[in-house]
Amino acid sequence: MKTDRIEQTTELATGVVVYENYFRERERHRLATEGPALIHRDPRTGAVLAEAYLEEGKRHRTDGPAVIERNASGAIIREVYCVKGVLHRDPLEGPALIERKSPHNPDQITRAEYYVILIR
């Protein structure tokens, strides 16, 4: 029998839920349509720094990046597109891995990698 549970870690000084994890049995799991299975927030501001979409313990999302990381100002610095735990994105839609590290120009891509798998 499968059971679902949510684990949260709260910063006592601010009351901010810093980590929020969704599980089915022992694996991180949450349907992408319901939201990310892992959420990491800034302990002072509560701003989301990272979110990951996982199904049955594997990074998985078909309508956007499976992993999104942000800097302290909220700009997206990393996007990872995965299907069933494997890096993948249609090259016509863009790279499967995107990194932006420039503090002066957060839209400037500093790393882009393309990965394609056969999905059956």
PDB file of N, CA and C in Angstrom:
ATOM      1  N   MET A   1       0.849  -1.186   0.000  1.00  0.00           N
ATOM      2  CA  MET A   1       0.000   0.000   0.000  1.00  0.00           C
ATOM      3  C   MET A   1       0.887   1.239   0.000  1.00  0.00           C
ATOM      4  N   LYS A   2       0.590   2.161  -0.883  1.00  0.00           N
ATOM      5  CA  LYS A   2       1.380   3.377  -0.979  1.00  0.00           C
ATOM      6  C   LYS A   2       0.795   4.447  -0.070  1.00  0.00           C
ATOM      7  N   THR A   3       1.682   5.149   0.608  1.00  0.00           N
ATOM      8  CA  THR A   3       1.253   6.239   1.472  1.00  0.00           C
ATOM      9  C   THR A   3       1.995   7.498   1.078  1.00  0.00           C
ATOM     10  N   ASP A   4       1.325   8.607   1.145  1.00  0.00           N
ATOM     11  CA  ASP A   4       1.931   9.892   0.827  1.00  0.00           C
ATOM     12  C   ASP A   4       2.198  10.646   2.115  1.00  0.00           C
ATOM     13  N   ARG A   5       3.305  11.397   2.123  1.00  0.00           N
ATOM     14  CA  ARG A   5       3.593  12.229   3.286  1.00  0.00           C
ATOM     15  C   ARG A   5       4.366  13.472   2.836  1.00  0.00           C
ATOM     16  N   ILE A   6       4.290  14.496   3.649  1.00  0.00           N
ATOM     17  CA  ILE A   6       5.020  15.739   3.410  1.00  0.00           C
ATOM     18  C   ILE A   6       5.934  15.961   4.607  1.00  0.00           C
ATOM     19  N   GLU A   7       7.200  16.250   4.337  1.00  0.00           N
ATOM     20  CA  GLU A   7       8.145  16.596   5.400  1.00  0.00           C
ATOM     21  C   GLU A   7       8.537  18.058   5.214  1.00  0.00           C
ATOM     22  N   GLN A   8       8.512  18.795   6.319  1.00  0.00           N
ATOM     23  CA  GLN A   8       8.877  20.206   6.272  1.00  0.00           C
ATOM     24  C   GLN A   8       9.934  20.504   7.321  1.00  0.00           C
ATOM     25  N   THR A   9      10.855  21.393   6.971  1.00  0.00           N
ATOM     26  CA  THR A   9      11.855  21.886   7.900  1.00  0.00           C
ATOM     27  C   THR A   9      11.641  23.385   8.029  1.00  0.00           C
ATOM     28  N   THR A  10      11.449  23.843   9.252  1.00  0.00           N
ATOM     29  CA  THR A  10      11.134  25.253   9.494  1.00  0.00           C
ATOM     30  C   THR A  10      12.286  25.948  10.202  1.00  0.00           C
ATOM     31  N   GLU A  11      12.621  27.150   9.760  1.00  0.00           N
ATOM     32  CA  GLU A  11      13.607  28.007  10.433  1.00  0.00           C
ATOM     33  C   GLU A  11      12.907  28.598  11.646  1.00  0.00           C
ATOM     34  N   LEU A  12      13.352  28.222  12.821  1.00  0.00           N
ATOM     35  CA  LEU A  12      12.667  28.639  14.049  1.00  0.00           C
ATOM     36  C   LEU A  12      12.669  30.150  14.251  1.00  0.00           C
ATOM     37  N   ALA A  13      13.764  30.814  13.882  1.00  0.00           N
ATOM     38  CA  ALA A  13      13.859  32.257  14.112  1.00  0.00           C
ATOM     39  C   ALA A  13      12.855  33.057  13.286  1.00  0.00           C
ATOM     40  N   THR A  14      12.544  32.567  12.085  1.00  0.00           N
ATOM     41  CA  THR A  14      11.661  33.334  11.195  1.00  0.00           C
ATOM     42  C   THR A  14      10.311  32.662  10.947  1.00  0.00           C
ATOM     43  N   GLY A  15      10.217  31.380  11.243  1.00  0.00           N
ATOM     44  CA  GLY A  15       8.984  30.641  10.975  1.00  0.00           C
ATOM     45  C   GLY A  15       8.815  30.244   9.522  1.00  0.00           C
ATOM     46  N   VAL A  16       9.850  30.462   8.708  1.00  0.00           N
ATOM     47  CA  VAL A  16       9.793  30.129   7.282  1.00  0.00           C
ATOM     48  C   VAL A  16      10.009  28.628   7.091  1.00  0.00           C
ATOM     49  N   VAL A  17       9.163  28.004   6.292  1.00  0.00           N
ATOM     50  CA  VAL A  17       9.370  26.605   5.917  1.00  0.00           C
ATOM     51  C   VAL A  17      10.480  26.607   4.871  1.00  0.00           C
ATOM     52  N   VAL A  18      11.676  26.166   5.270  1.00  0.00           N
ATOM     53  CA  VAL A  18      12.857  26.225   4.413  1.00  0.00           C
ATOM     54  C   VAL A  18      12.871  25.080   3.402  1.00  0.00           C
ATOM     55  N   TYR A  19      12.505  23.893   3.845  1.00  0.00           N
ATOM     56  CA  TYR A  19      12.451  22.734   2.955  1.00  0.00           C
ATOM     57  C   TYR A  19      11.074  22.099   3.036  1.00  0.00           C
ATOM     58  N   GLU A  20      10.561  21.740   1.877  1.00  0.00           N
ATOM     59  CA  GLU A  20       9.281  21.064   1.788  1.00  0.00           C
ATOM     60  C   GLU A  20       9.471  19.901   0.815  1.00  0.00           C
ATOM     61  N   ASN A  21       9.260  18.685   1.298  1.00  0.00           N
ATOM     62  CA  ASN A  21       9.475  17.484   0.505  1.00  0.00           C
ATOM     63  C   ASN A  21       8.214  16.639   0.496  1.00  0.00           C
ATOM     64  N   TYR A  22       7.836  16.177  -0.678  1.00  0.00           N
ATOM     65  CA  TYR A  22       6.668  15.317  -0.835  1.00  0.00           C
ATOM     66  C   TYR A  22       7.152  13.906  -1.151  1.00  0.00           C
ATOM     67  N   PHE A  23       6.609  12.922  -0.445  1.00  0.00           N
ATOM     68  CA  PHE A  23       7.041  11.537  -0.611  1.00  0.00           C
ATOM     69  C   PHE A  23       5.872  10.610  -0.885  1.00  0.00           C
ATOM     70  N   ARG A  24       6.166   9.565  -1.624  1.00  0.00           N
ATOM     71  CA  ARG A  24       5.307   8.393  -1.719  1.00  0.00           C
ATOM     72  C   ARG A  24       6.224   7.240  -1.353  1.00  0.00           C
ATOM     73  N   GLU A  25       5.854   6.547  -0.296  1.00  0.00           N
ATOM     74  CA  GLU A  25       6.701   5.542   0.317  1.00  0.00           C
ATOM     75  C   GLU A  25       8.032   6.202   0.665  1.00  0.00           C
ATOM     76  N   ARG A  26       9.156   5.705   0.136  1.00  0.00           N
ATOM     77  CA  ARG A  26      10.465   6.264   0.506  1.00  0.00           C
ATOM     78  C   ARG A  26      11.038   7.210  -0.541  1.00  0.00           C
ATOM     79  N   GLU A  27      10.332   7.417  -1.631  1.00  0.00           N
ATOM     80  CA  GLU A  27      10.851   8.235  -2.723  1.00  0.00           C
ATOM     81  C   GLU A  27      10.138   9.575  -2.801  1.00  0.00           C
ATOM     82  N   ARG A  28      10.912  10.607  -3.169  1.00  0.00           N
ATOM     83  CA  ARG A  28      10.269  11.894  -3.429  1.00  0.00           C
ATOM     84  C   ARG A  28       9.330  11.704  -4.611  1.00  0.00           C
ATOM     85  N   HIS A  29       8.105  12.179  -4.436  1.00  0.00           N
ATOM     86  CA  HIS A  29       7.123  11.970  -5.487  1.00  0.00           C
ATOM     87  C   HIS A  29       5.989  12.968  -5.340  1.00  0.00           C
ATOM     88  N   ARG A  30       5.676  13.598  -6.450  1.00  0.00           N
ATOM     89  CA  ARG A  30       4.497  14.454  -6.553  1.00  0.00           C
ATOM     90  C   ARG A  30       4.247  14.660  -8.036  1.00  0.00           C
ATOM     91  N   LEU A  31       3.022  14.496  -8.458  1.00  0.00           N
ATOM     92  CA  LEU A  31       2.715  14.711  -9.864  1.00  0.00           C
ATOM     93  C   LEU A  31       3.009  16.160 -10.231  1.00  0.00           C
ATOM     94  N   ALA A  32       3.598  16.361 -11.396  1.00  0.00           N
ATOM     95  CA  ALA A  32       3.973  17.712 -11.840  1.00  0.00           C
ATOM     96  C   ALA A  32       2.768  18.642 -11.890  1.00  0.00           C
ATOM     97  N   THR A  33       1.600  18.092 -12.166  1.00  0.00           N
ATOM     98  CA  THR A  33       0.391  18.920 -12.223  1.00  0.00           C
ATOM     99  C   THR A  33       0.003  19.456 -10.848  1.00  0.00           C
ATOM    100  N   GLU A  34       0.533  18.834  -9.787  1.00  0.00           N
ATOM    101  CA  GLU A  34       0.242  19.268  -8.420  1.00  0.00           C
ATOM    102  C   GLU A  34       1.312  20.208  -7.871  1.00  0.00           C
ATOM    103  N   GLY A  35       2.485  20.248  -8.518  1.00  0.00           N
ATOM    104  CA  GLY A  35       3.556  21.124  -8.073  1.00  0.00           C
ATOM    105  C   GLY A  35       4.835  20.363  -7.833  1.00  0.00           C
ATOM    106  N   PRO A  36       5.896  21.055  -7.434  1.00  0.00           N
ATOM    107  CA  PRO A  36       7.186  20.401  -7.225  1.00  0.00           C
ATOM    108  C   PRO A  36       7.181  19.484  -5.997  1.00  0.00           C
ATOM    109  N   ALA A  37       8.021  18.437  -6.052  1.00  0.00           N
ATOM    110  CA  ALA A  37       8.151  17.500  -4.938  1.00  0.00           C
ATOM    111  C   ALA A  37       9.168  18.002  -3.914  1.00  0.00           C
ATOM    112  N   LEU A  38      10.018  18.922  -4.325  1.00  0.00           N
ATOM    113  CA  LEU A  38      11.027  19.502  -3.430  1.00  0.00           C
ATOM    114  C   LEU A  38      11.012  21.016  -3.612  1.00  0.00           C
ATOM    115  N   ILE A  39      10.908  21.726  -2.497  1.00  0.00           N
ATOM    116  CA  ILE A  39      10.944  23.188  -2.525  1.00  0.00           C
ATOM    117  C   ILE A  39      11.932  23.649  -1.464  1.00  0.00           C
ATOM    118  N   HIS A  40      12.850  24.531  -1.851  1.00  0.00           N
ATOM    119  CA  HIS A  40      13.831  25.102  -0.920  1.00  0.00           C
ATOM    120  C   HIS A  40      13.646  26.610  -0.906  1.00  0.00           C
ATOM    121  N   ARG A  41      13.453  27.166   0.285  1.00  0.00           N
ATOM    122  CA  ARG A  41      13.219  28.615   0.427  1.00  0.00           C
ATOM    123  C   ARG A  41      14.333  29.285   1.223  1.00  0.00           C
ATOM    124  N   ASP A  42      14.507  30.571   0.968  1.00  0.00           N
ATOM    125  CA  ASP A  42      15.446  31.388   1.738  1.00  0.00           C
ATOM    126  C   ASP A  42      14.922  31.472   3.171  1.00  0.00           C
ATOM    127  N   PRO A  43      15.739  31.146   4.171  1.00  0.00           N
ATOM    128  CA  PRO A  43      15.248  31.134   5.551  1.00  0.00           C
ATOM    129  C   PRO A  43      14.848  32.498   6.101  1.00  0.00           C
ATOM    130  N   ARG A  44      15.348  33.575   5.497  1.00  0.00           N
ATOM    131  CA  ARG A  44      14.990  34.913   5.985  1.00  0.00           C
ATOM    132  C   ARG A  44      13.755  35.459   5.295  1.00  0.00           C
ATOM    133  N   THR A  45      13.716  35.317   3.960  1.00  0.00           N
ATOM    134  CA  THR A  45      12.646  35.969   3.194  1.00  0.00           C
ATOM    135  C   THR A  45      11.511  35.042   2.789  1.00  0.00           C
ATOM    136  N   GLY A  46      11.772  33.743   2.749  1.00  0.00           N
ATOM    137  CA  GLY A  46      10.765  32.794   2.293  1.00  0.00           C
ATOM    138  C   GLY A  46      10.698  32.671   0.779  1.00  0.00           C
ATOM    139  N   ALA A  47      11.556  33.414   0.072  1.00  0.00           N
ATOM    140  CA  ALA A  47      11.580  33.332  -1.395  1.00  0.00           C
ATOM    141  C   ALA A  47      12.056  31.953  -1.828  1.00  0.00           C
ATOM    142  N   VAL A  48      11.448  31.418  -2.869  1.00  0.00           N
ATOM    143  CA  VAL A  48      11.830  30.098  -3.368  1.00  0.00           C
ATOM    144  C   VAL A  48      13.179  30.189  -4.081  1.00  0.00           C
ATOM    145  N   LEU A  49      14.143  29.380  -3.622  1.00  0.00           N
ATOM    146  CA  LEU A  49      15.476  29.340  -4.221  1.00  0.00           C
ATOM    147  C   LEU A  49      15.625  28.173  -5.188  1.00  0.00           C
ATOM    148  N   ALA A  50      14.914  27.077  -4.914  1.00  0.00           N
ATOM    149  CA  ALA A  50      15.001  25.904  -5.784  1.00  0.00           C
ATOM    150  C   ALA A  50      13.710  25.107  -5.699  1.00  0.00           C
ATOM    151  N   GLU A  51      13.370  24.494  -6.813  1.00  0.00           N
ATOM    152  CA  GLU A  51      12.232  23.582  -6.837  1.00  0.00           C
ATOM    153  C   GLU A  51      12.560  22.472  -7.818  1.00  0.00           C
ATOM    154  N   ALA A  52      12.134  21.264  -7.459  1.00  0.00           N
ATOM    155  CA  ALA A  52      12.391  20.106  -8.301  1.00  0.00           C
ATOM    156  C   ALA A  52      11.122  19.279  -8.425  1.00  0.00           C
ATOM    157  N   TYR A  53      10.843  18.885  -9.640  1.00  0.00           N
ATOM    158  CA  TYR A  53       9.686  18.046  -9.931  1.00  0.00           C
ATOM    159  C   TYR A  53      10.179  16.612 -10.046  1.00  0.00           C
ATOM    160  N   LEU A  54       9.680  15.750  -9.169  1.00  0.00           N
ATOM    161  CA  LEU A  54      10.096  14.360  -9.160  1.00  0.00           C
ATOM    162  C   LEU A  54       8.877  13.449  -9.109  1.00  0.00           C
ATOM    163  N   GLU A  55       8.948  12.381  -9.890  1.00  0.00           N
ATOM    164  CA  GLU A  55       7.929  11.347  -9.833  1.00  0.00           C
ATOM    165  C   GLU A  55       8.655  10.030  -9.619  1.00  0.00           C
ATOM    166  N   GLU A  56       8.242   9.312  -8.584  1.00  0.00           N
ATOM    167  CA  GLU A  56       8.863   8.039  -8.211  1.00  0.00           C
ATOM    168  C   GLU A  56      10.374   8.191  -8.039  1.00  0.00           C
ATOM    169  N   GLY A  57      10.799   9.302  -7.453  1.00  0.00           N
ATOM    170  CA  GLY A  57      12.204   9.539  -7.156  1.00  0.00           C
ATOM    171  C   GLY A  57      13.033  10.046  -8.321  1.00  0.00           C
ATOM    172  N   LYS A  58      12.439  10.213  -9.496  1.00  0.00           N
ATOM    173  CA  LYS A  58      13.179  10.653 -10.679  1.00  0.00           C
ATOM    174  C   LYS A  58      12.721  12.035 -11.112  1.00  0.00           C
ATOM    175  N   ARG A  59      13.690  12.864 -11.523  1.00  0.00           N
ATOM    176  CA  ARG A  59      13.342  14.190 -12.035  1.00  0.00           C
ATOM    177  C   ARG A  59      12.501  14.014 -13.289  1.00  0.00           C
ATOM    178  N   HIS A  60      11.318  14.609 -13.280  1.00  0.00           N
ATOM    179  CA  HIS A  60      10.420  14.389 -14.408  1.00  0.00           C
ATOM    180  C   HIS A  60       9.426  15.540 -14.519  1.00  0.00           C
ATOM    181  N   ARG A  61       9.375  16.100 -15.723  1.00  0.00           N
ATOM    182  CA  ARG A  61       8.362  17.115 -16.046  1.00  0.00           C
ATOM    183  C   ARG A  61       8.335  17.260 -17.558  1.00  0.00           C
ATOM    184  N   THR A  62       7.149  17.270 -18.133  1.00  0.00           N
ATOM    185  CA  THR A  62       7.038  17.352 -19.587  1.00  0.00           C
ATOM    186  C   THR A  62       6.617  18.731 -20.077  1.00  0.00           C
ATOM    187  N   ASP A  63       6.184  19.607 -19.179  1.00  0.00           N
ATOM    188  CA  ASP A  63       5.707  20.926 -19.610  1.00  0.00           C
ATOM    189  C   ASP A  63       6.561  22.073 -19.081  1.00  0.00           C
ATOM    190  N   GLY A  64       7.816  21.787 -18.776  1.00  0.00           N
ATOM    191  CA  GLY A  64       8.715  22.818 -18.272  1.00  0.00           C
ATOM    192  C   GLY A  64       9.929  22.177 -17.639  1.00  0.00           C
ATOM    193  N   PRO A  65      10.802  22.970 -17.033  1.00  0.00           N
ATOM    194  CA  PRO A  65      11.995  22.402 -16.416  1.00  0.00           C
ATOM    195  C   PRO A  65      11.652  21.569 -15.180  1.00  0.00           C
ATOM    196  N   ALA A  66      12.383  20.456 -15.005  1.00  0.00           N
ATOM    197  CA  ALA A  66      12.189  19.597 -13.837  1.00  0.00           C
ATOM    198  C   ALA A  66      12.899  20.177 -12.617  1.00  0.00           C
ATOM    199  N   VAL A  67      13.933  20.985 -12.841  1.00  0.00           N
ATOM    200  CA  VAL A  67      14.665  21.632 -11.752  1.00  0.00           C
ATOM    201  C   VAL A  67      14.825  23.105 -12.109  1.00  0.00           C
ATOM    202  N   ILE A  68      14.506  23.962 -11.142  1.00  0.00           N
ATOM    203  CA  ILE A  68      14.664  25.410 -11.314  1.00  0.00           C
ATOM    204  C   ILE A  68      15.396  25.934 -10.087  1.00  0.00           C
ATOM    205  N   GLU A  69      16.499  26.659 -10.302  1.00  0.00           N
ATOM    206  CA  GLU A  69      17.241  27.268  -9.199  1.00  0.00           C
ATOM    207  C   GLU A  69      17.287  28.775  -9.415  1.00  0.00           C
ATOM    208  N   ARG A  70      17.157  29.509  -8.303  1.00  0.00           N
ATOM    209  CA  ARG A  70      17.161  30.977  -8.357  1.00  0.00           C
ATOM    210  C   ARG A  70      18.235  31.526  -7.429  1.00  0.00           C
ATOM    211  N   ASN A  71      18.720  32.734  -7.758  1.00  0.00           N
ATOM    212  CA  ASN A  71      19.644  33.401  -6.841  1.00  0.00           C
ATOM    213  C   ASN A  71      18.837  34.164  -5.787  1.00  0.00           C
ATOM    214  N   ALA A  72      19.526  34.824  -4.890  1.00  0.00           N
ATOM    215  CA  ALA A  72      18.861  35.514  -3.778  1.00  0.00           C
ATOM    216  C   ALA A  72      17.905  36.606  -4.243  1.00  0.00           C
ATOM    217  N   SER A  73      18.138  37.170  -5.433  1.00  0.00           N
ATOM    218  CA  SER A  73      17.243  38.217  -5.928  1.00  0.00           C
ATOM    219  C   SER A  73      16.064  37.650  -6.712  1.00  0.00           C
ATOM    220  N   GLY A  74      16.016  36.321  -6.858  1.00  0.00           N
ATOM    221  CA  GLY A  74      14.882  35.687  -7.526  1.00  0.00           C
ATOM    222  C   GLY A  74      15.073  35.381  -9.000  1.00  0.00           C
ATOM    223  N   ALA A  75      16.210  35.775  -9.571  1.00  0.00           N
ATOM    224  CA  ALA A  75      16.471  35.498 -10.986  1.00  0.00           C
ATOM    225  C   ALA A  75      16.806  34.016 -11.162  1.00  0.00           C
ATOM    226  N   ILE A  76      16.273  33.407 -12.198  1.00  0.00           N
ATOM    227  CA  ILE A  76      16.550  31.997 -12.478  1.00  0.00           C
ATOM    228  C   ILE A  76      17.989  31.867 -12.960  1.00  0.00           C
ATOM    229  N   ILE A  77      18.770  31.011 -12.281  1.00  0.00           N
ATOM    230  CA  ILE A  77      20.169  30.811 -12.649  1.00  0.00           C
ATOM    231  C   ILE A  77      20.429  29.425 -13.247  1.00  0.00           C
ATOM    232  N   ARG A  78      19.471  28.497 -13.079  1.00  0.00           N
ATOM    233  CA  ARG A  78      19.664  27.151 -13.630  1.00  0.00           C
ATOM    234  C   ARG A  78      18.318  26.503 -13.920  1.00  0.00           C
ATOM    235  N   GLU A  79      18.229  25.886 -15.100  1.00  0.00           N
ATOM    236  CA  GLU A  79      17.046  25.122 -15.489  1.00  0.00           C
ATOM    237  C   GLU A  79      17.522  23.785 -16.031  1.00  0.00           C
ATOM    238  N   VAL A  80      16.880  22.714 -15.580  1.00  0.00           N
ATOM    239  CA  VAL A  80      17.230  21.371 -16.036  1.00  0.00           C
ATOM    240  C   VAL A  80      15.950  20.684 -16.495  1.00  0.00           C
ATOM    241  N   TYR A  81      15.949  20.258 -17.737  1.00  0.00           N
ATOM    242  CA  TYR A  81      14.787  19.581 -18.311  1.00  0.00           C
ATOM    243  C   TYR A  81      15.039  18.080 -18.306  1.00  0.00           C
ATOM    244  N   CYS A  82      14.152  17.314 -17.677  1.00  0.00           N
ATOM    245  CA  CYS A  82      14.306  15.862 -17.573  1.00  0.00           C
ATOM    246  C   CYS A  82      12.985  15.165 -17.819  1.00  0.00           C
ATOM    247  N   VAL A  83      13.099  13.973 -18.369  1.00  0.00           N
ATOM    248  CA  VAL A  83      11.960  13.083 -18.533  1.00  0.00           C
ATOM    249  C   VAL A  83      12.370  11.738 -17.954  1.00  0.00           C
ATOM    250  N   LYS A  84      11.602  11.260 -16.991  1.00  0.00           N
ATOM    251  CA  LYS A  84      11.860   9.967 -16.347  1.00  0.00           C
ATOM    252  C   LYS A  84      13.294   9.855 -15.837  1.00  0.00           C
ATOM    253  N   GLY A  85      13.817  10.942 -15.297  1.00  0.00           N
ATOM    254  CA  GLY A  85      15.137  10.940 -14.687  1.00  0.00           C
ATOM    255  C   GLY A  85      16.305  11.181 -15.620  1.00  0.00           C
ATOM    256  N   VAL A  86      16.030  11.405 -16.905  1.00  0.00           N
ATOM    257  CA  VAL A  86      17.095  11.583 -17.894  1.00  0.00           C
ATOM    258  C   VAL A  86      16.999  12.978 -18.499  1.00  0.00           C
ATOM    259  N   LEU A  87      18.160  13.639 -18.647  1.00  0.00           N
ATOM    260  CA  LEU A  87      18.179  14.950 -19.308  1.00  0.00           C
ATOM    261  C   LEU A  87      17.600  14.819 -20.707  1.00  0.00           C
ATOM    262  N   HIS A  88      16.609  15.654 -21.012  1.00  0.00           N
ATOM    263  CA  HIS A  88      15.976  15.585 -22.324  1.00  0.00           C
ATOM    264  C   HIS A  88      15.150  16.839 -22.569  1.00  0.00           C
ATOM    265  N   ARG A  89      15.263  17.342 -23.799  1.00  0.00           N
ATOM    266  CA  ARG A  89      14.394  18.419 -24.273  1.00  0.00           C
ATOM    267  C   ARG A  89      14.482  18.455 -25.787  1.00  0.00           C
ATOM    268  N   ASP A  90      13.351  18.645 -26.419  1.00  0.00           N
ATOM    269  CA  ASP A  90      13.326  18.763 -27.882  1.00  0.00           C
ATOM    270  C   ASP A  90      14.235  19.922 -28.267  1.00  0.00           C
ATOM    271  N   PRO A  91      15.239  19.702 -29.115  1.00  0.00           N
ATOM    272  CA  PRO A  91      16.167  20.779 -29.486  1.00  0.00           C
ATOM    273  C   PRO A  91      15.484  21.985 -30.112  1.00  0.00           C
ATOM    274  N   LEU A  92      14.319  21.782 -30.712  1.00  0.00           N
ATOM    275  CA  LEU A  92      13.601  22.916 -31.293  1.00  0.00           C
ATOM    276  C   LEU A  92      13.031  23.833 -30.212  1.00  0.00           C
ATOM    277  N   GLU A  93      12.885  23.318 -28.991  1.00  0.00           N
ATOM    278  CA  GLU A  93      12.388  24.124 -27.869  1.00  0.00           C
ATOM    279  C   GLU A  93      13.519  24.781 -27.087  1.00  0.00           C
ATOM    280  N   GLY A  94      14.743  24.253 -27.234  1.00  0.00           N
ATOM    281  CA  GLY A  94      15.881  24.834 -26.543  1.00  0.00           C
ATOM    282  C   GLY A  94      16.715  23.788 -25.847  1.00  0.00           C
ATOM    283  N   PRO A  95      17.755  24.221 -25.131  1.00  0.00           N
ATOM    284  CA  PRO A  95      18.649  23.283 -24.453  1.00  0.00           C
ATOM    285  C   PRO A  95      17.985  22.612 -23.248  1.00  0.00           C
ATOM    286  N   ALA A  96      18.500  21.431 -22.871  1.00  0.00           N
ATOM    287  CA  ALA A  96      17.985  20.695 -21.717  1.00  0.00           C
ATOM    288  C   ALA A  96      18.611  21.198 -20.420  1.00  0.00           C
ATOM    289  N   LEU A  97      19.773  21.825 -20.518  1.00  0.00           N
ATOM    290  CA  LEU A  97      20.450  22.383 -19.347  1.00  0.00           C
ATOM    291  C   LEU A  97      20.828  23.820 -19.674  1.00  0.00           C
ATOM    292  N   ILE A  98      20.379  24.741 -18.825  1.00  0.00           N
ATOM    293  CA  ILE A  98      20.650  26.165 -19.034  1.00  0.00           C
ATOM    294  C   ILE A  98      21.170  26.750 -17.729  1.00  0.00           C
ATOM    295  N   GLU A  99      22.292  27.456 -17.801  1.00  0.00           N
ATOM    296  CA  GLU A  99      22.822  28.148 -16.623  1.00  0.00           C
ATOM    297  C   GLU A  99      23.065  29.605 -16.955  1.00  0.00           C
ATOM    298  N   ARG A 100      22.725  30.442 -15.992  1.00  0.00           N
ATOM    299  CA  ARG A 100      22.950  31.892 -16.090  1.00  0.00           C
ATOM    300  C   ARG A 100      23.662  32.297 -14.807  1.00  0.00           C
ATOM    301  N   LYS A 101      24.890  32.771 -14.931  1.00  0.00           N
ATOM    302  CA  LYS A 101      25.663  33.089 -13.730  1.00  0.00           C
ATOM    303  C   LYS A 101      26.064  34.552 -13.613  1.00  0.00           C
ATOM    304  N   SER A 102      25.829  35.326 -14.631  1.00  0.00           N
ATOM    305  CA  SER A 102      26.289  36.705 -14.625  1.00  0.00           C
ATOM    306  C   SER A 102      25.459  37.558 -13.656  1.00  0.00           C
ATOM    307  N   PRO A 103      26.074  38.149 -12.626  1.00  0.00           N
ATOM    308  CA  PRO A 103      25.317  39.005 -11.716  1.00  0.00           C
ATOM    309  C   PRO A 103      24.887  40.316 -12.369  1.00  0.00           C
ATOM    310  N   HIS A 104      25.575  40.701 -13.439  1.00  0.00           N
ATOM    311  CA  HIS A 104      25.266  41.961 -14.100  1.00  0.00           C
ATOM    312  C   HIS A 104      24.209  41.808 -15.198  1.00  0.00           C
ATOM    313  N   ASN A 105      24.092  40.601 -15.742  1.00  0.00           N
ATOM    314  CA  ASN A 105      23.117  40.345 -16.800  1.00  0.00           C
ATOM    315  C   ASN A 105      22.489  38.967 -16.568  1.00  0.00           C
ATOM    316  N   PRO A 106      21.417  38.890 -15.751  1.00  0.00           N
ATOM    317  CA  PRO A 106      20.839  37.586 -15.408  1.00  0.00           C
ATOM    318  C   PRO A 106      20.205  36.849 -16.581  1.00  0.00           C
ATOM    319  N   ASP A 107      20.008  37.525 -17.720  1.00  0.00           N
ATOM    320  CA  ASP A 107      19.448  36.858 -18.891  1.00  0.00           C
ATOM    321  C   ASP A 107      20.522  36.212 -19.765  1.00  0.00           C
ATOM    322  N   GLN A 108      21.788  36.518 -19.491  1.00  0.00           N
ATOM    323  CA  GLN A 108      22.873  35.974 -20.298  1.00  0.00           C
ATOM    324  C   GLN A 108      23.112  34.509 -19.934  1.00  0.00           C
ATOM    325  N   ILE A 109      23.011  33.639 -20.929  1.00  0.00           N
ATOM    326  CA  ILE A 109      23.238  32.210 -20.712  1.00  0.00           C
ATOM    327  C   ILE A 109      24.735  31.944 -20.759  1.00  0.00           C
ATOM    328  N   THR A 110      25.269  31.319 -19.706  1.00  0.00           N
ATOM    329  CA  THR A 110      26.691  31.014 -19.641  1.00  0.00           C
ATOM    330  C   THR A 110      26.984  29.552 -19.964  1.00  0.00           C
ATOM    331  N   ARG A 111      25.947  28.718 -19.948  1.00  0.00           N
ATOM    332  CA  ARG A 111      26.109  27.304 -20.296  1.00  0.00           C
ATOM    333  C   ARG A 111      24.784  26.788 -20.848  1.00  0.00           C
ATOM    334  N   ALA A 112      24.854  26.087 -21.972  1.00  0.00           N
ATOM    335  CA  ALA A 112      23.669  25.479 -22.567  1.00  0.00           C
ATOM    336  C   ALA A 112      24.070  24.141 -23.160  1.00  0.00           C
ATOM    337  N   GLU A 113      23.357  23.103 -22.787  1.00  0.00           N
ATOM    338  CA  GLU A 113      23.657  21.762 -23.298  1.00  0.00           C
ATOM    339  C   GLU A 113      22.379  21.126 -23.818  1.00  0.00           C
ATOM    340  N   TYR A 114      22.506  20.451 -24.927  1.00  0.00           N
ATOM    341  CA  TYR A 114      21.361  19.784 -25.554  1.00  0.00           C
ATOM    342  C   TYR A 114      21.440  18.285 -25.313  1.00  0.00           C
ATOM    343  N   TYR A 115      20.345  17.699 -24.911  1.00  0.00           N
ATOM    344  CA  TYR A 115      20.236  16.254 -24.709  1.00  0.00           C
ATOM    345  C   TYR A 115      18.913  15.796 -25.287  1.00  0.00           C
ATOM    346  N   VAL A 116      18.963  14.689 -26.010  1.00  0.00           N
ATOM    347  CA  VAL A 116      17.734  14.120 -26.584  1.00  0.00           C
ATOM    348  C   VAL A 116      17.749  12.620 -26.334  1.00  0.00           C
ATOM    349  N   ILE A 117      16.631  12.097 -25.881  1.00  0.00           N
ATOM    350  CA  ILE A 117      16.481  10.645 -25.714  1.00  0.00           C
ATOM    351  C   ILE A 117      15.263  10.199 -26.503  1.00  0.00           C
ATOM    352  N   LEU A 118      15.229   8.945 -26.822  1.00  0.00           N
ATOM    353  CA  LEU A 118      14.059   8.377 -27.466  1.00  0.00           C
ATOM    354  C   LEU A 118      13.066   8.013 -26.360  1.00  0.00           C
ATOM    355  N   ILE A 119      11.868   8.559 -26.435  1.00  0.00           N
ATOM    356  CA  ILE A 119      10.851   8.302 -25.424  1.00  0.00           C
ATOM    357  C   ILE A 119       9.841   7.332 -26.013  1.00  0.00           C
ATOM    358  N   ARG A 120       9.624   6.261 -25.299  1.00  0.00           N
ATOM    359  CA  ARG A 120       8.645   5.272 -25.755  1.00  0.00           C
ATOM    360  C   ARG A 120       7.487   5.186 -24.811  1.00  0.00           C
TER     361      ARG A 120
END
